[in-house]
Amino acid sequence: MTPDQLAHTLQLYLAEASNGAVVEEGEVLFGLSAAQYSISCERERCLLHLWSDERNIVRHVVDAIEDAKHGSLILTVKRFGQSRPNKLEICRDRDRRTPSAKNTTRSQYARLLERLIRRQSPDWKLDRLSTTMDLERSFSPVYARGLLRKGQSSLAVFGVNHQETQASVDAALTFALLWLDYCREREAGSSLVEGLRVYVPHGRATTLQIRMAHLNHARAKFQLFELDARDETLNEIDTADHGNIETRLLQSPNVAQTRERFAEAIDKVLAAIPNAEVAVPGPAEIVFRLHGLEFAKVRAVNVPGSFQVQHEFVFGSAGYQSHLTEETQADFDRFTSLLKDIRNVDGDRRDPLWRMYPERWLECLVFADVALSIRD
C-alpha cells in the first residue's frame, strides 16, 4: 500500500473501532474510547500518533492487513530509531477474552442472576436462564434471558454481566424487547407475559434509564435493575426519574462577540464546507458540525510561560484529531473534502463518516424545521 492508502485504511478502521483497543506485543496500550489519534503522511511515510492521559506513541506504518476472523487490523510498524518492524493490532472489540473465557463468565453470571431473581421473587417460578446464540431470532450469547412464571402471569427477564462492554449494555434494551416479543408469541394461550425486567451492572444504567422512560408503558410493565456482583444485591432504577441525571450550570456566552473573535477560523471552515453548522458552547470556544457530526473546533488557550492567548484549531472525528498547522493544512483539506462528499443524503452509506451519530443527524433535521417535523 502507498502511504495515502494506508492513511485512508487507518481512518476508516479507527472510525469503526471507537470502542476497541490498540495492542502491541501482547499489551493493551490504549482503549480507543478514551484515546486520541492522528494520521499523517510526511516524507512518503504514513505516521500514526496515539495518545491518552497515560502514554503517547508515534509509529511509522509500513503495511496493514485486516484479520476479519478476529475483528482486527494488523499493522506492520516501526518505532523511531529502530529498523526492525513489529506488529501493532487495532481491535474492534476491546474484550480480548478467549471464547471459552467469555462462555464461562456468561454461564457464571446466568447462575448468579438466577439465584438473585429467585431471592427477589420467591413466589415466582423461574425457568433456567439461557445464554445460547439464536441467530434466527437475533439472540446473542452476550445476554442471559428467561421467563418468570406465577399462575397465568409471567415476566420476561434479561440480563448482561459487568464484563461486557458498555456498548453491549447500552444495546441491551433492543434485544430485550425482541425477547419480550418472542416470549409473548411463544406463551400465547398459556400465560400472559405482562412485562420485562432488565438487569445491568451497577453504575452503568444511565442510557437504558433514559430509553426505558420513553417506552409505551401501557403495552408492558418495564423494570430496570442494577446488579452489584460483589455484594450480590439488586437495586431497582426508577425510569421515570430522568429529569436531572447530571446537572451543570453553564455560562451563557455572547454569541455575536464570540463569532467575531473567531471570524478568521469560521471563514476558513465555511470556505471548505459551506453548509457547516457553527456552535458556540462557551465564550472561548466554537465548534463546527456537519449534520450532527462535530469535525472541528477552535478554542482560546494560554501560551505557556506568558499571559498571551492564542487560538488552537483542532480537526477530526471519532478520536482522530489533529492540530491545524502549515504542515497539516493538506490533511485538513483532504479531510473536509472527504467529509463534504460523504456526509450528505447522497453519500456512501457504507462509509463510517456517513453512519456516525445517526441520532444527532436526525436531531439537527428536527431543529432545522421544528414546525415541519411536528406537522409530519
Protein backbone atom coordinates (compact mmCIF):
# COMPACT_ATOMS: atom_id res chain seq x y z
CA MET A 1 0.00 0.00 0.00
CA THR A 2 1.05 3.59 -0.57
CA PRO A 3 1.23 5.94 2.44
CA ASP A 4 -2.02 7.61 1.32
CA GLN A 5 -3.77 4.25 1.03
CA LEU A 6 -2.53 3.23 4.46
CA ALA A 7 -3.77 6.52 5.95
CA HIS A 8 -7.22 6.05 4.38
CA THR A 9 -7.43 2.44 5.61
CA LEU A 10 -6.48 3.53 9.14
CA GLN A 11 -9.01 6.36 9.18
CA LEU A 12 -11.88 4.08 8.12
CA TYR A 13 -10.94 1.30 10.52
CA LEU A 14 -10.35 3.51 13.54
CA ALA A 15 -13.65 5.30 12.93
CA GLU A 16 -15.46 1.96 13.31
CA ALA A 17 -13.37 0.78 16.29
CA SER A 18 -14.24 3.59 18.70
CA ASN A 19 -14.89 1.05 21.48
CA GLY A 20 -11.89 -1.10 20.59
CA ALA A 21 -8.29 -1.31 21.73
CA VAL A 22 -4.72 -0.98 20.45
CA VAL A 23 -2.44 -3.91 21.30
CA GLU A 24 1.33 -4.07 20.81
CA GLU A 25 3.44 -7.08 21.76
CA GLY A 26 0.55 -8.54 23.73
CA GLU A 27 -0.02 -5.39 25.83
CA VAL A 28 -3.17 -3.28 25.56
CA LEU A 29 -1.74 0.22 25.10
CA PHE A 30 -4.94 2.18 24.51
CA GLY A 31 -8.68 1.85 24.86
CA LEU A 32 -9.94 3.78 21.86
CA SER A 33 -12.98 5.11 23.72
CA ALA A 34 -10.62 7.31 25.78
CA ALA A 35 -7.65 7.76 23.43
CA GLN A 36 -6.99 10.29 20.68
CA TYR A 37 -5.17 9.73 17.43
CA SER A 38 -3.93 11.48 14.32
CA ILE A 39 -2.79 10.12 10.97
CA SER A 40 -0.45 11.98 8.64
CA CYS A 41 1.63 11.38 5.54
CA GLU A 42 5.03 13.04 5.81
CA ARG A 43 8.03 12.44 3.53
CA GLU A 44 6.32 9.48 1.86
CA ARG A 45 5.62 7.84 5.22
CA CYS A 46 2.32 7.11 6.98
CA LEU A 47 2.58 8.11 10.64
CA LEU A 48 0.12 7.04 13.33
CA HIS A 49 0.12 9.13 16.51
CA LEU A 50 -1.82 7.79 19.52
CA TRP A 51 -2.08 9.46 22.92
CA SER A 52 -4.03 9.36 26.17
CA ASP A 53 -3.54 10.52 29.76
CA GLU A 54 -1.24 7.53 30.38
CA ARG A 55 1.03 7.40 27.31
CA ASN A 56 1.94 8.84 23.93
CA ILE A 57 3.31 6.88 20.93
CA VAL A 58 4.13 7.52 17.28
CA ARG A 59 4.58 4.67 14.80
CA HIS A 60 5.65 4.56 11.16
CA VAL A 61 3.07 2.30 9.48
CA VAL A 62 4.61 0.11 6.78
CA ASP A 63 1.71 -2.24 5.96
CA ALA A 64 -1.82 -3.15 7.07
CA ILE A 65 -3.73 -6.44 6.83
CA GLU A 66 -7.30 -6.93 8.04
CA ASP A 67 -7.98 -10.06 10.08
CA ALA A 68 -11.75 -10.36 9.55
CA LYS A 69 -11.96 -13.58 11.57
CA HIS A 70 -10.72 -11.95 14.77
CA GLY A 71 -12.05 -8.43 14.04
CA SER A 72 -8.74 -6.62 13.95
CA LEU A 73 -6.41 -4.66 11.71
CA ILE A 74 -2.80 -5.88 11.96
CA LEU A 75 -0.22 -3.20 11.24
CA THR A 76 3.43 -3.63 10.48
CA VAL A 77 5.06 -0.65 12.19
CA LYS A 78 8.47 0.76 13.01
CA ARG A 79 9.47 2.77 16.04
CA PHE A 80 11.65 5.81 15.54
CA GLY A 81 15.33 4.91 15.75
CA GLN A 82 14.67 1.21 15.13
CA SER A 83 14.98 -0.52 11.77
CA ARG A 84 13.30 -3.80 12.69
CA PRO A 85 9.48 -3.71 12.34
CA ASN A 86 6.99 -5.16 14.80
CA LYS A 87 3.24 -5.76 14.93
CA LEU A 88 0.58 -3.41 16.27
CA GLU A 89 -3.02 -4.61 16.35
CA ILE A 90 -6.16 -2.44 16.29
CA CYS A 91 -9.07 -4.48 17.65
CA ARG A 92 -12.70 -3.57 17.07
CA ASP A 93 -13.65 -5.18 20.37
CA ARG A 94 -11.73 -4.26 23.49
CA ASP A 95 -12.79 -7.54 25.02
CA ARG A 96 -9.75 -9.73 24.37
CA ARG A 97 -11.01 -12.75 26.28
CA THR A 98 -10.96 -16.12 24.58
CA PRO A 99 -14.33 -17.59 23.51
CA SER A 100 -14.10 -20.20 26.29
CA ALA A 101 -13.42 -17.49 28.91
CA LYS A 102 -16.40 -15.47 27.68
CA ASN A 103 -18.66 -18.53 27.82
CA THR A 104 -17.51 -19.34 31.34
CA THR A 105 -18.15 -15.79 32.56
CA ARG A 106 -21.58 -15.68 30.96
CA SER A 107 -22.60 -19.05 32.41
CA GLN A 108 -21.47 -17.97 35.88
CA TYR A 109 -23.41 -14.73 35.52
CA ALA A 110 -26.55 -16.61 34.45
CA ARG A 111 -26.37 -18.77 37.58
CA LEU A 112 -25.82 -15.69 39.77
CA LEU A 113 -28.73 -13.87 38.17
CA GLU A 114 -30.97 -16.94 38.62
CA ARG A 115 -30.13 -17.03 42.33
CA LEU A 116 -30.78 -13.31 42.84
CA ILE A 117 -34.06 -13.34 40.90
CA ARG A 118 -35.34 -16.28 42.96
CA ARG A 119 -34.38 -14.41 46.12
CA GLN A 120 -36.04 -11.24 44.78
CA SER A 121 -39.27 -13.01 43.73
CA PRO A 122 -39.70 -16.12 45.90
CA ASP A 123 -43.34 -16.60 44.88
CA TRP A 124 -42.46 -16.84 41.20
CA LYS A 125 -41.04 -19.80 39.29
CA LEU A 126 -38.02 -19.04 37.10
CA ASP A 127 -37.13 -21.03 34.03
CA ARG A 128 -33.42 -21.68 33.67
CA LEU A 129 -31.71 -18.69 32.04
CA SER A 130 -30.21 -19.22 28.60
CA THR A 131 -27.11 -17.64 27.05
CA THR A 132 -27.11 -19.71 23.85
CA MET A 133 -26.93 -17.99 20.48
CA ASP A 134 -30.04 -17.93 18.29
CA LEU A 135 -29.20 -16.20 15.00
CA GLU A 136 -32.70 -16.67 13.62
CA ARG A 137 -34.17 -14.51 16.38
CA SER A 138 -31.13 -12.25 16.89
CA PHE A 139 -30.42 -13.56 20.40
CA SER A 140 -26.77 -13.13 21.39
CA PRO A 141 -24.78 -15.13 23.97
CA VAL A 142 -23.81 -11.76 25.49
CA TYR A 143 -27.19 -11.69 27.26
CA ALA A 144 -28.91 -14.04 29.71
CA ARG A 145 -32.64 -14.44 29.15
CA GLY A 146 -35.51 -16.32 30.73
CA LEU A 147 -39.11 -16.25 31.93
CA LEU A 148 -40.63 -15.80 35.40
CA ARG A 149 -43.98 -17.53 35.95
CA LYS A 150 -46.71 -17.17 38.54
CA GLY A 151 -50.01 -18.83 37.72
CA GLN A 152 -51.22 -17.45 34.41
CA SER A 153 -48.89 -14.45 34.59
CA SER A 154 -45.26 -14.24 33.52
CA LEU A 155 -42.43 -11.74 33.09
CA ALA A 156 -39.60 -11.80 30.56
CA VAL A 157 -36.18 -11.33 32.22
CA PHE A 158 -33.00 -10.20 30.52
CA GLY A 159 -29.51 -9.51 31.89
CA VAL A 160 -25.96 -8.54 30.92
CA ASN A 161 -22.87 -9.05 33.08
CA HIS A 162 -20.30 -6.49 34.19
CA GLN A 163 -17.51 -7.85 31.98
CA GLU A 164 -19.31 -6.96 28.77
CA THR A 165 -18.60 -3.65 27.02
CA GLN A 166 -20.65 -0.53 27.68
CA ALA A 167 -21.88 -0.72 24.09
CA SER A 168 -23.37 -4.16 24.85
CA VAL A 169 -25.02 -2.80 27.99
CA ASP A 170 -26.49 0.17 26.11
CA ALA A 171 -27.79 -2.15 23.36
CA ALA A 172 -29.47 -4.49 25.84
CA LEU A 173 -32.89 -2.87 25.56
CA THR A 174 -33.15 -3.57 21.83
CA PHE A 175 -32.54 -7.28 22.31
CA ALA A 176 -34.64 -7.38 25.47
CA LEU A 177 -37.65 -6.09 23.53
CA LEU A 178 -37.08 -8.79 20.92
CA TRP A 179 -37.04 -11.34 23.73
CA LEU A 180 -40.27 -9.92 25.19
CA ASP A 181 -41.96 -10.15 21.79
CA TYR A 182 -40.78 -13.74 21.33
CA CYS A 183 -41.98 -14.73 24.81
CA ARG A 184 -45.41 -13.27 24.16
CA GLU A 185 -45.65 -15.14 20.87
CA ARG A 186 -44.46 -18.41 22.43
CA GLU A 187 -46.66 -18.12 25.55
CA ALA A 188 -49.83 -17.11 23.70
CA GLY A 189 -52.71 -19.17 25.10
CA SER A 190 -50.76 -20.49 28.11
CA SER A 191 -49.74 -17.37 30.05
CA LEU A 192 -49.87 -13.58 29.83
CA VAL A 193 -46.39 -12.04 29.58
CA GLU A 194 -47.09 -8.82 31.46
CA GLY A 195 -43.74 -7.12 31.13
CA LEU A 196 -39.97 -7.10 31.05
CA ARG A 197 -37.25 -6.93 33.68
CA VAL A 198 -33.77 -5.85 32.56
CA TYR A 199 -30.71 -6.39 34.77
CA VAL A 200 -27.49 -4.41 34.11
CA PRO A 201 -24.21 -3.94 36.00
CA HIS A 202 -24.01 -1.49 38.88
CA GLY A 203 -23.44 2.13 37.78
CA ARG A 204 -24.00 1.50 34.07
CA ALA A 205 -27.75 2.01 33.64
CA THR A 206 -27.92 5.69 32.65
CA THR A 207 -28.55 5.21 28.93
CA LEU A 208 -31.11 2.45 29.47
CA GLN A 209 -32.85 4.51 32.14
CA ILE A 210 -33.48 7.30 29.63
CA ARG A 211 -34.55 4.93 26.87
CA MET A 212 -36.92 2.90 29.02
CA ALA A 213 -38.61 6.07 30.23
CA HIS A 214 -39.82 6.70 26.68
CA LEU A 215 -41.30 3.27 26.04
CA ASN A 216 -45.06 2.78 25.91
CA HIS A 217 -45.72 1.61 29.47
CA ALA A 218 -49.34 0.89 28.63
CA ARG A 219 -48.14 -2.02 26.48
CA ALA A 220 -45.99 -3.69 29.13
CA LYS A 221 -44.57 -3.30 32.63
CA PHE A 222 -40.92 -2.32 32.26
CA GLN A 223 -38.46 -2.59 35.16
CA LEU A 224 -34.74 -1.83 35.29
CA PHE A 225 -32.38 -3.19 37.93
CA GLU A 226 -28.70 -2.68 38.66
CA LEU A 227 -26.86 -5.78 39.84
CA ASP A 228 -23.79 -5.47 42.06
CA ALA A 229 -21.92 -8.76 41.61
CA ARG A 230 -19.62 -8.11 44.58
CA ASP A 231 -22.41 -7.71 47.13
CA GLU A 232 -24.94 -9.81 45.20
CA THR A 233 -27.54 -7.07 45.53
CA LEU A 234 -30.21 -5.70 43.22
CA ASN A 235 -31.30 -2.07 43.09
CA GLU A 236 -34.36 -1.03 41.10
CA ILE A 237 -33.90 2.11 38.99
CA ASP A 238 -36.84 4.49 38.67
CA THR A 239 -37.04 5.04 34.90
CA ALA A 240 -39.44 7.96 35.43
CA ASP A 241 -36.77 9.87 37.35
CA HIS A 242 -34.70 11.04 34.40
CA GLY A 243 -35.05 14.82 34.55
CA ASN A 244 -31.75 15.77 36.18
CA ILE A 245 -29.37 12.84 35.91
CA GLU A 246 -26.46 15.27 35.72
CA THR A 247 -26.79 18.96 36.44
CA ARG A 248 -24.34 21.67 35.39
CA LEU A 249 -24.59 25.45 35.35
CA LEU A 250 -23.04 26.82 32.17
CA GLN A 251 -22.13 30.39 31.36
CA SER A 252 -24.24 31.87 28.60
CA PRO A 253 -21.76 33.26 26.04
CA ASN A 254 -22.18 36.37 23.93
CA VAL A 255 -22.61 34.55 20.60
CA ALA A 256 -22.05 37.55 18.34
CA GLN A 257 -18.92 38.60 20.20
CA THR A 258 -17.51 35.06 20.20
CA ARG A 259 -18.16 34.60 16.49
CA GLU A 260 -16.41 37.90 15.82
CA ARG A 261 -13.41 36.76 17.88
CA PHE A 262 -13.10 33.58 15.81
CA ALA A 263 -14.12 35.11 12.47
CA GLU A 264 -10.96 34.00 10.66
CA ALA A 265 -11.43 30.35 11.66
CA ILE A 266 -15.12 30.47 10.75
CA ASP A 267 -14.31 31.83 7.31
CA LYS A 268 -11.71 29.10 6.77
CA VAL A 269 -14.09 26.27 7.68
CA LEU A 270 -17.09 27.63 5.78
CA ALA A 271 -14.91 28.07 2.70
CA ALA A 272 -14.22 24.31 2.87
CA ILE A 273 -17.74 23.21 3.93
CA PRO A 274 -20.28 25.99 3.25
CA ASN A 275 -23.19 24.23 5.00
CA ALA A 276 -21.29 23.53 8.22
CA GLU A 277 -23.07 24.48 11.45
CA VAL A 278 -21.23 26.86 13.79
CA ALA A 279 -21.98 26.40 17.50
CA VAL A 280 -20.77 28.49 20.44
CA PRO A 281 -20.58 26.32 23.60
CA GLY A 282 -18.65 28.98 25.53
CA PRO A 283 -17.00 32.39 25.25
CA ALA A 284 -13.59 30.89 24.45
CA GLU A 285 -14.58 28.13 22.05
CA ILE A 286 -16.50 27.42 18.86
CA VAL A 287 -17.26 24.06 17.25
CA PHE A 288 -18.18 23.06 13.73
CA ARG A 289 -20.64 20.30 12.85
CA LEU A 290 -21.94 18.76 9.67
CA HIS A 291 -25.32 17.05 10.07
CA GLY A 292 -24.64 16.45 13.75
CA LEU A 293 -21.03 15.27 13.35
CA GLU A 294 -18.53 17.54 15.12
CA PHE A 295 -15.48 17.72 12.87
CA ALA A 296 -13.53 20.79 14.07
CA LYS A 297 -13.23 23.19 16.98
CA VAL A 298 -11.25 26.29 17.84
CA ARG A 299 -10.54 27.48 21.36
CA ALA A 300 -8.55 30.23 23.01
CA VAL A 301 -5.66 28.85 25.11
CA ASN A 302 -2.92 30.46 27.14
CA VAL A 303 0.60 30.46 25.71
CA PRO A 304 2.80 28.60 28.23
CA GLY A 305 5.02 30.94 30.26
CA SER A 306 3.18 34.10 29.26
CA PHE A 307 -0.10 35.97 29.59
CA GLN A 308 -0.76 35.80 25.86
CA VAL A 309 -3.67 33.91 24.33
CA GLN A 310 -3.60 32.02 21.05
CA HIS A 311 -6.19 30.11 19.03
CA GLU A 312 -5.87 26.33 18.96
CA PHE A 313 -7.52 24.78 15.88
CA VAL A 314 -8.27 21.04 16.06
CA PHE A 315 -9.97 18.97 13.35
CA GLY A 316 -11.04 15.34 13.04
CA SER A 317 -13.73 12.95 14.28
CA ALA A 318 -14.27 9.85 16.45
CA GLY A 319 -10.93 10.07 18.25
CA TYR A 320 -8.94 11.15 15.19
CA GLN A 321 -7.76 14.66 15.95
CA SER A 322 -5.01 16.82 14.54
CA HIS A 323 -3.94 20.40 15.13
CA LEU A 324 -4.20 22.63 12.09
CA THR A 325 -0.76 23.96 11.16
CA GLU A 326 1.04 24.75 7.92
CA GLU A 327 2.28 21.14 7.88
CA THR A 328 -1.24 19.66 8.35
CA GLN A 329 -3.09 22.06 6.03
CA ALA A 330 -3.13 19.40 3.27
CA ASP A 331 -4.58 16.86 5.72
CA PHE A 332 -7.30 19.35 6.68
CA ASP A 333 -8.16 19.96 3.02
CA ARG A 334 -8.37 16.21 2.33
CA PHE A 335 -10.46 15.58 5.43
CA THR A 336 -13.01 18.33 4.78
CA SER A 337 -13.27 17.36 1.11
CA LEU A 338 -13.94 13.74 2.07
CA LEU A 339 -16.43 14.78 4.74
CA LYS A 340 -18.31 17.04 2.32
CA ASP A 341 -18.57 14.25 -0.26
CA ILE A 342 -19.73 11.57 2.19
CA ARG A 343 -21.72 13.30 4.97
CA ASN A 344 -24.83 14.09 2.93
CA VAL A 345 -28.03 12.38 1.91
CA ASP A 346 -26.46 11.05 -1.30
CA GLY A 347 -23.22 9.89 0.33
CA ASP A 348 -21.92 6.34 0.59
CA ARG A 349 -24.00 4.78 3.37
CA ARG A 350 -21.35 2.12 3.96
CA ASP A 351 -18.77 4.72 4.94
CA PRO A 352 -18.19 5.24 8.70
CA LEU A 353 -18.36 9.03 8.27
CA TRP A 354 -21.89 8.65 6.88
CA ARG A 355 -23.01 6.27 9.64
CA MET A 356 -21.64 8.21 12.62
CA TYR A 357 -24.10 9.71 15.11
CA PRO A 358 -27.41 8.99 13.31
CA GLU A 359 -29.44 10.34 16.23
CA ARG A 360 -27.59 13.68 16.11
CA TRP A 361 -28.20 13.82 12.35
CA LEU A 362 -31.92 13.33 12.97
CA GLU A 363 -31.81 15.90 15.77
CA CYS A 364 -30.32 18.59 13.51
CA LEU A 365 -33.03 17.90 10.90
CA VAL A 366 -35.70 18.42 13.56
CA PHE A 367 -34.06 21.62 14.79
CA ALA A 368 -33.86 22.92 11.23
CA ASP A 369 -37.66 22.99 10.98
CA VAL A 370 -39.49 22.02 14.16
CA ALA A 371 -42.87 23.04 12.75
CA LEU A 372 -42.44 20.75 9.74
CA SER A 373 -41.36 17.87 11.97
CA ILE A 374 -44.44 18.26 14.16
CA ARG A 375 -46.74 18.53 11.16
CA ASP A 376 -45.33 15.35 9.61
